[in-house]
Amino acid sequence: MLRYLCTLAGVSRSGYYAWLHQSDKHLEKERNDETDYEWIQEIFNRKEKICGGRSIKMVLEKTKGICMNLKRIYLIIRKYNLVTKIRRANPYKHIAKATQEHKTCPNLLKRQFNQEEPEKSMLTDITYLFYGQGKKAYLSCVKDSTTREILAYHVSSSLQMDIVYRTLDNLKERLGEVIHPEALLHSDQGIHYTHPEF
C-alpha cells in the first residue's frame, strides 16, 4: 500500500521516511519553542514588558533554574513578536555622571560661611524661576557668604554655560580692581562649575 502511494505521489519510500522523520523533528522543535515562549512570556508580563534579553536570562536562571542562552531568547522574542517597551532615559543620571567626570576642586570652605571679612568667600548657584503659564527662566547669582549680600546675578532663558560667564562678568564689574587676595568662589560643583571651560 505504501509503495503504491509513493509511486502515485512520485516520491521514493526513503524520501517519504526522511520527510516523516523531519516532520517529527519539526513538531518537537515547535513544542520546545512554545514551552520556552511560555516561560519568557510570564517574565515579560511580570516586568510590564520593560525587560530585554539579559534581564529575562537572569530571571530565568534565578527563579526557574533554567539556563537559556541569549541567542535562543532573542529568537523566541522575534518569533512570537514580543515587543519590549523602551525605558525613558533618566536625565539626572547623565548629569550626575558628567558632574563626577568634571569634578576638579576640593571643598575649601567646609561650611565655614562666616569669614568675618566681606568679599572673601562668595557662594554661587543657579535656580529656577517659574513665571507666566508654565514658563521657566534661570537665575545665576553670587552671594557674599559673610554679609549675605547678592553681589552679582544674571537671568537667562537658557542653561548654557553663558549664564555663569555673564554672572562672573557682572561680579568682576561690581568688585572692580579691588579683589580680596584670598577670594574664594564656592559652588555646589554642579555641571556648570565643574565644566572644563569654567
Protein backbone atom coordinates (compact mmCIF):
# COMPACT_ATOMS: atom_id res chain seq x y z
CA MET A 1 0.00 0.00 0.00
CA LEU A 2 2.79 2.46 0.98
CA ARG A 3 4.76 1.56 -2.15
CA TYR A 4 1.67 2.24 -4.27
CA LEU A 5 1.04 5.65 -2.61
CA CYS A 6 4.71 6.66 -3.00
CA THR A 7 4.62 5.68 -6.70
CA LEU A 8 1.38 7.64 -7.11
CA ALA A 9 2.93 10.72 -5.42
CA GLY A 10 6.16 10.33 -7.37
CA VAL A 11 8.44 10.01 -4.32
CA SER A 12 10.68 7.21 -3.12
CA ARG A 13 9.93 5.34 0.09
CA SER A 14 13.24 6.55 1.59
CA GLY A 15 12.23 10.13 0.69
CA TYR A 16 8.87 9.64 2.43
CA TYR A 17 10.54 8.27 5.60
CA ALA A 18 13.04 11.16 5.59
CA TRP A 19 10.14 13.65 5.35
CA LEU A 20 8.27 11.84 8.13
CA HIS A 21 11.35 11.95 10.40
CA GLN A 22 11.89 15.63 9.57
CA SER A 23 8.24 16.36 10.36
CA ASP A 24 8.58 14.72 13.80
CA LYS A 25 11.69 16.80 14.48
CA HIS A 26 9.86 19.95 13.40
CA LEU A 27 6.93 19.19 15.73
CA GLU A 28 9.32 18.58 18.63
CA LYS A 29 11.11 21.88 17.91
CA GLU A 30 7.75 23.72 17.83
CA ARG A 31 6.78 22.19 21.20
CA ASN A 32 10.13 23.28 22.69
CA ASP A 33 9.68 26.79 21.27
CA GLU A 34 6.19 27.02 22.78
CA THR A 35 7.45 25.90 26.20
CA ASP A 36 10.27 28.48 26.13
CA TYR A 37 7.81 31.13 24.91
CA GLU A 38 5.55 30.47 27.91
CA TRP A 39 8.49 30.96 30.33
CA ILE A 40 9.59 34.16 28.59
CA GLN A 41 6.02 35.48 28.26
CA GLU A 42 5.47 35.03 32.01
CA ILE A 43 8.56 37.14 32.83
CA PHE A 44 7.65 39.65 30.12
CA ASN A 45 4.20 40.22 31.64
CA ARG A 46 5.51 40.32 35.21
CA LYS A 47 8.04 43.03 34.30
CA GLU A 48 5.33 45.03 32.43
CA LYS A 49 7.19 44.47 29.13
CA ILE A 50 10.13 46.61 30.29
CA CYS A 51 12.81 43.96 30.02
CA GLY A 52 15.38 42.87 27.49
CA GLY A 53 17.08 39.58 26.75
CA ARG A 54 19.67 39.91 29.53
CA SER A 55 17.00 40.61 32.18
CA ILE A 56 14.96 37.63 31.00
CA LYS A 57 18.05 35.39 31.10
CA MET A 58 18.84 36.44 34.70
CA VAL A 59 15.24 35.95 35.91
CA LEU A 60 15.02 32.51 34.25
CA GLU A 61 18.23 31.39 35.97
CA LYS A 62 17.32 32.91 39.33
CA THR A 63 13.64 31.92 39.64
CA LYS A 64 13.26 28.85 37.40
CA GLY A 65 16.78 27.44 37.38
CA ILE A 66 16.62 27.45 33.56
CA CYS A 67 19.81 28.29 31.68
CA MET A 68 18.86 29.67 28.27
CA ASN A 69 21.38 31.44 26.06
CA LEU A 70 20.72 34.98 24.78
CA LYS A 71 20.58 33.87 21.14
CA ARG A 72 17.72 31.49 21.98
CA ILE A 73 15.87 34.18 24.00
CA TYR A 74 16.12 36.71 21.15
CA LEU A 75 14.96 34.06 18.66
CA ILE A 76 11.80 33.40 20.73
CA ILE A 77 11.20 37.16 21.19
CA ARG A 78 11.36 37.68 17.41
CA LYS A 79 9.35 34.55 16.54
CA TYR A 80 6.45 35.40 18.86
CA ASN A 81 6.71 39.15 18.25
CA LEU A 82 7.23 40.16 21.89
CA VAL A 83 7.66 43.94 21.83
CA THR A 84 9.72 45.49 24.62
CA LYS A 85 8.78 48.94 25.90
CA ILE A 86 11.73 51.31 25.70
CA ARG A 87 12.58 52.78 29.07
CA ARG A 88 12.89 56.57 29.12
CA ALA A 89 16.41 57.77 29.77
CA ASN A 90 16.98 59.33 33.18
CA PRO A 91 18.37 62.85 32.52
CA TYR A 92 19.62 63.17 36.11
CA LYS A 93 21.79 60.08 35.70
CA HIS A 94 23.59 61.71 32.76
CA ILE A 95 24.05 64.97 34.67
CA ALA A 96 25.38 63.14 37.75
CA LYS A 97 27.83 61.16 35.60
CA ALA A 98 29.03 64.30 33.84
CA THR A 99 29.42 66.06 37.20
CA GLN A 100 31.57 63.23 38.55
CA GLU A 101 33.75 63.31 35.43
CA HIS A 102 34.26 67.07 35.68
CA LYS A 103 34.77 67.26 39.46
CA THR A 104 38.03 69.11 39.96
CA CYS A 105 38.11 71.29 43.10
CA PRO A 106 38.29 70.26 46.76
CA ASN A 107 35.85 71.82 49.25
CA LEU A 108 38.00 74.55 50.82
CA LEU A 109 35.17 76.40 52.59
CA LYS A 110 33.88 73.35 54.53
CA ARG A 111 30.68 75.17 55.58
CA GLN A 112 32.65 77.95 57.33
CA PHE A 113 30.46 80.58 55.68
CA ASN A 114 31.20 83.46 58.05
CA GLN A 115 34.74 84.54 57.13
CA GLU A 116 34.46 87.82 59.11
CA GLU A 117 35.60 89.72 56.00
CA PRO A 118 33.27 90.78 53.20
CA GLU A 119 34.03 89.56 49.68
CA LYS A 120 36.47 86.91 50.94
CA SER A 121 34.18 83.93 50.35
CA MET A 122 31.37 84.03 47.82
CA LEU A 123 28.70 81.45 47.07
CA THR A 124 27.29 80.83 43.60
CA ASP A 125 24.40 78.75 42.34
CA ILE A 126 21.69 78.54 39.68
CA THR A 127 17.99 78.30 40.49
CA TYR A 128 14.73 78.05 38.54
CA LEU A 129 12.25 80.92 38.23
CA PHE A 130 8.73 79.97 37.15
CA TYR A 131 6.53 82.65 35.63
CA GLY A 132 3.51 83.07 33.36
CA GLN A 133 1.84 79.88 32.23
CA GLY A 134 4.43 77.15 32.62
CA LYS A 135 7.34 79.36 31.57
CA LYS A 136 10.75 78.95 33.17
CA ALA A 137 13.87 81.09 33.49
CA TYR A 138 17.17 80.53 35.29
CA LEU A 139 18.78 82.80 37.87
CA SER A 140 22.52 82.59 38.44
CA CYS A 141 23.83 84.64 41.34
CA VAL A 142 26.84 85.22 43.56
CA LYS A 143 26.27 85.94 47.26
CA ASP A 144 28.76 87.12 49.86
CA SER A 145 28.75 84.34 52.47
CA THR A 146 29.60 86.74 55.31
CA THR A 147 27.26 89.69 54.62
CA ARG A 148 24.69 87.58 52.69
CA GLU A 149 24.52 90.35 50.09
CA ILE A 150 23.89 89.45 46.45
CA LEU A 151 26.99 90.73 44.65
CA ALA A 152 26.05 89.76 41.09
CA TYR A 153 23.36 87.94 39.16
CA HIS A 154 22.17 87.10 35.67
CA VAL A 155 18.77 85.84 34.47
CA SER A 156 18.55 83.70 31.34
CA SER A 157 16.05 81.54 29.47
CA SER A 158 18.86 79.04 28.76
CA LEU A 159 21.08 76.83 30.91
CA GLN A 160 24.05 77.18 28.55
CA MET A 161 27.49 77.97 30.03
CA ASP A 162 26.93 81.63 29.12
CA ILE A 163 24.73 82.05 32.22
CA VAL A 164 27.72 81.59 34.57
CA TYR A 165 30.09 83.65 32.40
CA ARG A 166 27.68 86.60 32.42
CA THR A 167 27.30 86.31 36.21
CA LEU A 168 31.09 86.38 36.64
CA ASP A 169 31.37 89.38 34.30
CA ASN A 170 28.82 91.20 36.48
CA LEU A 171 30.77 90.19 39.62
CA LYS A 172 34.02 91.48 38.15
CA GLU A 173 32.32 94.76 37.27
CA ARG A 174 30.91 95.03 40.82
CA LEU A 175 34.22 94.29 42.59
CA GLY A 176 36.27 96.46 40.25
CA GLU A 177 40.05 96.26 40.60
CA VAL A 178 39.97 95.52 44.35
CA ILE A 179 39.59 91.75 44.79
CA HIS A 180 40.39 90.11 48.15
CA PRO A 181 43.75 88.28 47.89
CA GLU A 182 42.16 85.13 49.41
CA ALA A 183 38.90 85.41 47.48
CA LEU A 184 37.08 82.11 47.11
CA LEU A 185 34.11 81.28 44.89
CA HIS A 186 32.23 78.30 46.36
CA SER A 187 29.70 76.28 44.33
CA ASP A 188 27.81 73.00 44.62
CA GLN A 189 30.16 71.64 41.92
CA GLY A 190 27.24 71.22 39.54
CA ILE A 191 27.88 70.62 35.86
CA HIS A 192 28.43 74.31 35.05
CA TYR A 193 31.03 74.88 37.77
CA THR A 194 33.00 71.71 37.05
CA HIS A 195 32.94 72.06 33.27
CA PRO A 196 36.48 72.11 31.80
CA GLU A 197 35.77 75.53 30.27
CA PHE A 198 34.78 77.12 33.61
